[in-house]
Protein backbone atom coordinates (compact mmCIF):
# COMPACT_ATOMS: atom_id res chain seq x y z
CA UNK A 1 111.01 136.57 126.36
CA UNK A 2 111.93 134.22 123.46
CA UNK A 3 110.15 135.52 120.27
CA UNK A 4 109.04 133.22 117.57
CA UNK A 5 111.87 134.17 115.20
CA UNK A 6 114.37 133.43 118.08
CA UNK A 7 112.51 129.98 118.60
CA UNK A 8 112.67 129.18 114.74
CA UNK A 9 116.32 129.85 114.53
CA UNK A 10 116.65 127.04 117.58
CA UNK A 11 114.14 124.65 115.82
CA UNK A 12 116.06 124.81 112.24
CA UNK A 13 119.34 124.35 113.95
CA UNK A 14 118.55 121.61 116.40
CA UNK A 15 115.46 119.76 114.78
CA UNK A 16 114.56 121.37 111.10
CA UNK A 17 118.10 120.96 109.25
CA UNK A 18 117.25 117.01 109.84
CA UNK A 19 113.93 116.87 108.03
CA UNK A 20 113.32 116.04 104.41
CA UNK A 21 113.29 119.38 103.07
CA UNK A 22 114.68 122.24 105.23
CA UNK A 23 115.30 124.45 102.49
CA UNK A 24 111.62 124.83 101.80
CA UNK A 25 111.04 125.18 105.42
CA UNK A 26 113.42 128.04 105.59
CA UNK A 27 111.42 129.88 102.96
CA UNK A 28 108.11 129.26 104.70
CA UNK A 29 109.47 130.47 108.04
CA UNK A 30 110.58 133.80 106.27
CA UNK A 31 107.13 134.29 105.30
CA UNK A 32 105.75 133.46 108.52
CA UNK A 33 108.35 135.62 110.38
CA UNK A 34 107.63 138.52 108.34
CA UNK A 35 103.62 138.60 108.27
CA UNK A 36 102.45 141.65 110.03
CA UNK A 37 99.63 140.57 112.81
CA UNK A 38 96.57 142.45 112.22
CA UNK A 39 95.11 145.07 114.87
CA UNK A 40 98.67 145.60 116.35
CA UNK A 41 99.84 148.59 117.55
CA UNK A 42 102.61 149.39 116.91
CA UNK A 43 102.96 146.88 114.28
CA UNK A 44 104.32 143.70 115.53
CA UNK A 45 105.23 140.66 113.11
CA UNK A 46 104.63 136.99 113.75
CA UNK A 47 108.32 136.60 114.30
CA UNK A 48 108.61 139.29 116.77
CA UNK A 49 105.88 137.99 118.96
CA UNK A 50 106.77 136.06 121.98
CA UNK A 51 106.44 132.29 121.49
CA UNK A 52 104.14 131.84 124.13
CA UNK A 53 101.87 134.67 123.32
CA UNK A 54 100.98 133.40 120.08
CA UNK A 55 97.20 132.76 119.90
CA UNK A 56 94.82 130.68 117.70
CA UNK A 57 93.61 133.99 116.55
CA UNK A 58 97.45 134.56 114.95
CA UNK A 59 97.39 131.18 113.39
CA UNK A 60 94.14 132.15 111.95
CA UNK A 61 94.73 135.44 110.70
CA UNK A 62 98.26 134.08 108.83
CA UNK A 63 96.09 131.53 107.19
CA UNK A 64 93.42 133.85 106.14
CA UNK A 65 96.21 136.12 104.70
CA UNK A 66 97.83 133.32 102.66
CA UNK A 67 94.33 132.14 101.32
CA UNK A 68 93.44 136.00 100.29
CA UNK A 69 96.68 136.42 98.63
CA UNK A 70 95.42 133.34 96.16
CA UNK A 71 97.72 130.48 97.83
CA UNK A 72 96.21 127.08 96.97
CA UNK A 73 94.84 125.02 99.74
CA UNK A 74 98.01 122.50 99.22
CA UNK A 75 100.52 125.63 100.06
CA UNK A 76 98.40 126.88 102.86
CA UNK A 77 98.18 123.39 104.63
CA UNK A 78 102.08 123.00 104.34
CA UNK A 79 102.69 126.29 106.44
CA UNK A 80 100.06 125.27 108.75
CA UNK A 81 101.55 121.65 109.28
CA UNK A 82 105.20 123.35 109.60
CA UNK A 83 103.90 125.72 112.65
CA UNK A 84 102.03 122.88 114.21
CA UNK A 85 105.18 120.57 114.00
CA UNK A 86 107.23 123.51 115.44
CA UNK A 87 104.95 124.09 118.38
CA UNK A 88 104.41 120.35 119.08
CA UNK A 89 108.42 120.07 118.92
CA UNK A 90 108.53 123.31 121.35
CA UNK A 91 106.18 121.47 124.01
CA UNK A 92 108.54 118.29 124.12
CA UNK A 93 111.66 120.44 124.57
CA UNK A 94 110.12 122.71 127.11
CA UNK A 95 110.09 125.81 125.06
CA UNK A 96 106.45 126.58 125.58
CA UNK A 97 103.69 124.82 127.64
CA UNK A 98 100.71 125.06 124.98
CA UNK A 99 100.02 124.70 121.17
CA UNK A 100 97.79 127.36 119.48
CA UNK A 101 96.47 124.62 117.48
CA UNK A 102 94.62 123.01 120.32
CA UNK A 103 91.91 124.34 122.82
CA UNK A 104 92.62 121.76 125.58
CA UNK A 105 92.44 118.36 123.66
CA UNK A 106 90.03 119.88 121.12
CA UNK A 107 91.81 120.89 117.34
CA UNK A 108 91.48 124.44 117.20
CA UNK A 109 92.73 125.05 113.61
CA UNK A 110 91.53 122.68 110.90
CA UNK A 111 93.42 122.31 107.73
CA UNK A 112 92.34 123.48 104.46
CA UNK A 113 90.05 120.97 102.21
CA UNK A 114 92.35 120.05 99.16
CA UNK A 115 90.52 119.81 95.75
CA UNK A 116 92.78 117.50 93.70
CA UNK A 117 93.40 119.02 90.06
CA UNK A 118 94.27 117.20 87.01
CA UNK A 119 98.22 116.48 86.67
CA UNK A 120 98.20 114.60 83.87
CA UNK A 121 98.25 115.14 79.93
CA UNK A 122 94.65 114.77 78.68
CA UNK A 123 95.76 113.52 75.30
CA UNK A 124 98.76 111.86 73.78
CA UNK A 125 99.27 115.00 71.82
CA UNK A 126 99.90 117.30 74.71
CA UNK A 127 103.38 115.95 75.23
CA UNK A 128 104.41 116.37 71.85
CA UNK A 129 103.11 120.12 71.73
CA UNK A 130 104.98 120.65 74.96
CA UNK A 131 108.45 119.00 73.45
CA UNK A 132 107.76 121.45 70.09
CA UNK A 133 107.42 124.53 72.03
CA UNK A 134 110.41 123.96 74.60
CA UNK A 135 113.83 125.28 73.66
CA UNK A 136 116.55 122.32 73.86
CA UNK A 137 117.46 122.64 77.39
CA UNK A 138 113.77 122.63 78.46
CA UNK A 139 112.95 119.57 76.21
CA UNK A 140 115.93 117.59 77.65
CA UNK A 141 114.60 118.35 81.48
CA UNK A 142 111.06 117.30 80.03
CA UNK A 143 112.07 113.92 78.69
CA UNK A 144 114.44 113.45 81.81
CA UNK A 145 111.47 113.85 84.52
CA UNK A 146 108.94 111.93 82.34
CA UNK A 147 111.38 109.06 81.88
CA UNK A 148 112.48 109.10 85.36
CA UNK A 149 109.96 110.50 87.69
CA UNK A 150 112.46 112.41 89.36
CA UNK A 151 111.92 115.70 90.55
CA UNK A 152 112.88 118.83 88.81
CA UNK A 153 115.51 119.97 91.39
CA UNK A 154 116.84 116.47 91.15
CA UNK A 155 117.15 116.64 87.52
CA UNK A 156 118.59 120.00 87.24
CA UNK A 157 121.27 119.10 90.07
CA UNK A 158 122.63 116.02 88.51
CA UNK A 159 126.16 115.86 87.51
CA UNK A 160 127.71 113.93 84.83
CA UNK A 161 129.54 111.85 87.84
CA UNK A 162 125.84 110.80 88.46
CA UNK A 163 125.52 109.42 85.13
CA UNK A 164 126.45 105.86 83.64
CA UNK A 165 125.54 105.64 80.12
CA UNK A 166 127.41 102.14 80.30
CA UNK A 167 125.01 100.55 82.41
CA UNK A 168 122.04 102.81 81.79
CA UNK A 169 122.06 104.19 85.16
CA UNK A 170 121.81 107.63 86.87
CA UNK A 171 122.13 108.06 90.48
CA UNK A 172 120.01 110.64 92.57
CA UNK A 173 122.78 111.67 95.75
CA UNK A 174 121.11 111.64 98.87
CA UNK A 175 122.48 115.09 99.45
CA UNK A 176 120.31 116.39 96.17
CA UNK A 177 117.16 113.94 97.10
CA UNK A 178 114.01 115.69 99.12
CA UNK A 179 114.17 112.47 101.41
CA UNK A 180 117.85 112.47 101.95
CA UNK A 181 118.08 108.96 100.43
CA UNK A 182 120.02 108.03 97.41
CA UNK A 183 118.43 106.14 94.42
CA UNK A 184 119.41 104.29 91.21
CA UNK A 185 117.15 105.39 88.32
CA UNK A 186 117.47 103.21 85.14
CA UNK A 187 117.82 105.39 82.07
CA UNK A 188 115.60 104.71 79.09
CA UNK A 189 116.53 104.56 75.42
CA UNK A 190 115.14 108.03 74.79
CA UNK A 191 116.58 109.45 77.62
CA UNK A 192 120.04 108.13 76.58
CA UNK A 193 119.80 109.54 73.19
CA UNK A 194 119.19 113.02 74.85
CA UNK A 195 122.21 112.58 77.16
CA UNK A 196 124.66 111.36 74.36
CA UNK A 197 123.57 114.69 72.63
CA UNK A 198 124.57 116.71 75.46
CA UNK A 199 127.54 114.98 76.41
CA UNK A 200 130.06 117.20 74.50
CA UNK A 201 130.97 120.84 75.28
CA UNK A 202 130.89 123.63 72.77
CA UNK A 203 134.51 122.64 71.64
CA UNK A 204 133.58 119.16 70.96
CA UNK A 205 134.98 117.82 74.22
CA UNK A 206 133.18 115.60 76.74
CA UNK A 207 132.09 117.50 79.81
CA UNK A 208 133.90 116.98 83.00
CA UNK A 209 132.28 114.98 86.09
CA UNK A 210 131.33 117.96 88.07
CA UNK A 211 129.23 119.44 85.03
CA UNK A 212 125.69 119.39 84.69
CA UNK A 213 123.76 117.59 81.66
CA UNK A 214 120.84 119.82 82.28
CA UNK A 215 122.50 122.95 82.48
CA UNK A 216 123.21 125.35 80.06
CA UNK A 217 125.30 125.17 76.93
CA UNK A 218 128.83 125.19 78.84
CA UNK A 219 127.58 122.93 81.71
CA UNK A 220 126.73 125.34 84.33
CA UNK A 221 124.06 124.59 86.59
CA UNK A 222 120.48 126.19 85.87
CA UNK A 223 118.83 126.63 89.20
CA UNK A 224 115.33 127.14 87.25
CA UNK A 225 113.99 127.01 84.08
CA UNK A 226 110.61 128.68 84.76
CA UNK A 227 110.52 131.31 82.35
CA UNK A 228 111.20 128.87 79.68
CA UNK A 229 108.73 126.22 81.26
CA UNK A 230 105.70 129.06 81.38
CA UNK A 231 106.50 130.21 77.86
CA UNK A 232 106.34 126.56 76.43
CA UNK A 233 103.51 125.45 78.36
CA UNK A 234 101.42 128.64 77.33
CA UNK A 235 102.20 127.67 73.64
CA UNK A 236 101.47 124.23 73.88
CA UNK A 237 97.68 125.09 75.33
CA UNK A 238 98.44 123.83 78.83
CA UNK A 239 97.41 126.61 81.00
CA UNK A 240 97.92 125.86 84.63
CA UNK A 241 100.26 122.74 84.18
CA UNK A 242 103.18 122.75 86.12
CA UNK A 243 107.05 121.41 85.77
CA UNK A 244 106.58 119.20 88.79
CA UNK A 245 103.15 117.68 87.41
CA UNK A 246 105.28 115.82 84.81
CA UNK A 247 106.71 113.86 87.86
CA UNK A 248 102.92 112.95 88.17
CA UNK A 249 102.64 111.81 84.89
CA UNK A 250 105.81 109.90 85.13
CA UNK A 251 104.47 107.86 88.27
CA UNK A 252 101.13 107.31 86.78
CA UNK A 253 102.78 106.30 83.55
CA UNK A 254 104.68 103.56 85.30
CA UNK A 255 101.59 102.18 87.36
CA UNK A 256 99.44 102.09 84.03
CA UNK A 257 102.21 100.09 82.39
CA UNK A 258 101.70 97.30 85.06
CA UNK A 259 104.79 98.09 87.22
CA UNK A 260 104.42 96.92 90.70
CA UNK A 261 103.98 99.99 92.95
CA UNK A 262 106.83 98.96 95.12
CA UNK A 263 109.04 99.58 92.31
CA UNK A 264 107.12 103.05 91.38
CA UNK A 265 107.40 104.00 94.92
CA UNK A 266 111.13 103.43 94.60
CA UNK A 267 111.53 105.37 91.39
CA UNK A 268 109.63 108.17 92.80
CA UNK A 269 112.03 108.22 96.06
CA UNK A 270 109.15 107.97 98.37
CA UNK A 271 109.24 106.82 102.06
CA UNK A 272 106.16 104.74 102.16
CA UNK A 273 103.62 103.29 99.56
CA UNK A 274 100.79 105.54 101.05
CA UNK A 275 102.58 108.25 99.43
CA UNK A 276 102.81 106.81 96.18
CA UNK A 277 99.30 105.66 96.21
CA UNK A 278 98.02 109.18 96.76
CA UNK A 279 100.65 110.65 94.42
CA UNK A 280 99.30 108.71 91.33
CA UNK A 281 96.94 110.11 89.18
CA UNK A 282 94.62 108.35 86.88
CA UNK A 283 93.37 110.07 83.63
CA UNK A 284 90.72 109.73 81.13
CA UNK A 285 92.80 107.58 78.86
CA UNK A 286 94.02 105.22 81.74
CA UNK A 287 90.13 104.76 82.44
CA UNK A 288 89.74 103.89 79.02
CA UNK A 289 92.70 101.33 78.97
CA UNK A 290 91.43 99.93 82.19
CA UNK A 291 87.80 99.32 80.59
CA UNK A 292 89.57 97.85 77.26
CA UNK A 293 91.35 95.37 79.78
CA UNK A 294 88.01 94.26 81.29
CA UNK A 295 86.60 93.95 77.65
CA UNK A 296 89.69 92.12 76.76
CA UNK A 297 89.48 89.56 79.68
CA UNK A 298 85.78 89.29 79.14
CA UNK A 299 86.32 88.36 75.54
CA UNK A 300 88.86 85.72 76.65
CA UNK A 301 86.80 84.10 79.23
CA UNK A 302 83.79 83.73 76.73
CA UNK A 303 86.38 82.35 74.05
CA UNK A 304 87.51 79.72 76.65
CA UNK A 305 83.96 78.95 77.61
CA UNK A 306 82.93 78.14 73.82
CA UNK A 307 85.92 76.10 73.30
CA UNK A 308 85.56 74.09 76.41
CA UNK A 309 83.24 70.90 76.65
CA UNK A 310 80.57 71.32 79.16
CA UNK A 311 80.74 69.57 82.68
CA UNK A 312 77.87 67.41 81.75
CA UNK A 313 79.49 66.53 78.30
CA UNK A 314 82.74 65.45 80.38
CA UNK A 315 80.72 63.13 82.69
CA UNK A 316 78.98 60.98 79.95
CA UNK A 317 81.07 57.57 79.92
CA UNK A 318 80.80 56.14 76.62
CA UNK A 319 81.10 52.27 76.34
CA UNK A 320 83.99 51.70 73.81
CA UNK A 321 82.84 50.00 70.56
CA UNK A 322 83.73 46.24 69.97
CA UNK A 323 85.38 45.20 66.90
CA UNK A 324 84.36 42.08 65.42
CA UNK A 325 87.47 40.40 66.51
CA UNK A 326 86.83 41.31 70.14
CA UNK A 327 83.49 40.11 70.32
CA UNK A 328 83.51 36.54 72.05
CA UNK A 329 81.19 33.70 70.87
CA UNK A 330 78.80 31.70 73.29
CA UNK A 331 80.24 28.80 74.91
């Protein structure tokens, strides 16, 4: 009998490796495979159970365990969507006859309700406090994400060969993008200054093309800045704020600046506008700016009304006055 673990290996080889985020799916499958199913004697893991014997109860047990471990609804839903996608693929390819996500034609597993949280700075001072609390490397990473709307992993994996300071452009290579699509990002003046400061190695020579602009002091890649981020975030008084939230902040800033949503979507590297619309977060400052725009528009319209003659006034046709020379004498 084909176990779920064996099926997962086949799925990753034939299908999963071609999806947008196979790296993350691999981590999720490790957790799923290692989950010990309740009320099994001897203990049986999800991965070792025969594929066609997996039930709705097994899926629910895994879901409930993830929730009990404090995982967010978003994280739990990612796990469930992955499993649902795998079973649907397995049915199409003949590996399994049914999916535990349905009873007949009715859904048997529902996704968790996701409660959106704020992913924006509440005040303009939040950003400055965060930058002040960050070490030089993290400060550069923060500025890069805020000014490009790139994913943290895309910034950390960027190499000098991907940066063109002359044209003020950087390129996110397809192999380093979550969506496996390359994209060009303009470089802001602030980010250009950061890159110029990081251009030279400790010996004062330019880093080679394969070095990492946002890596360590000698240009080696940093796979994570988690500890530095958590320290800076807490010192800045932003508990719960995550590094990837800076990308939401960046995308929303572009949107609030009046940039077309098509361009915002391109900068974010989204496949469709629906994802971009869902991604953008409007905060209190943005709402106040929106109200100010309304007030300015109203004031402008009022001013135009006061300075424009009324239609009634425009409809009155005055007879031209006759000058003495133009008056004709009776014949």
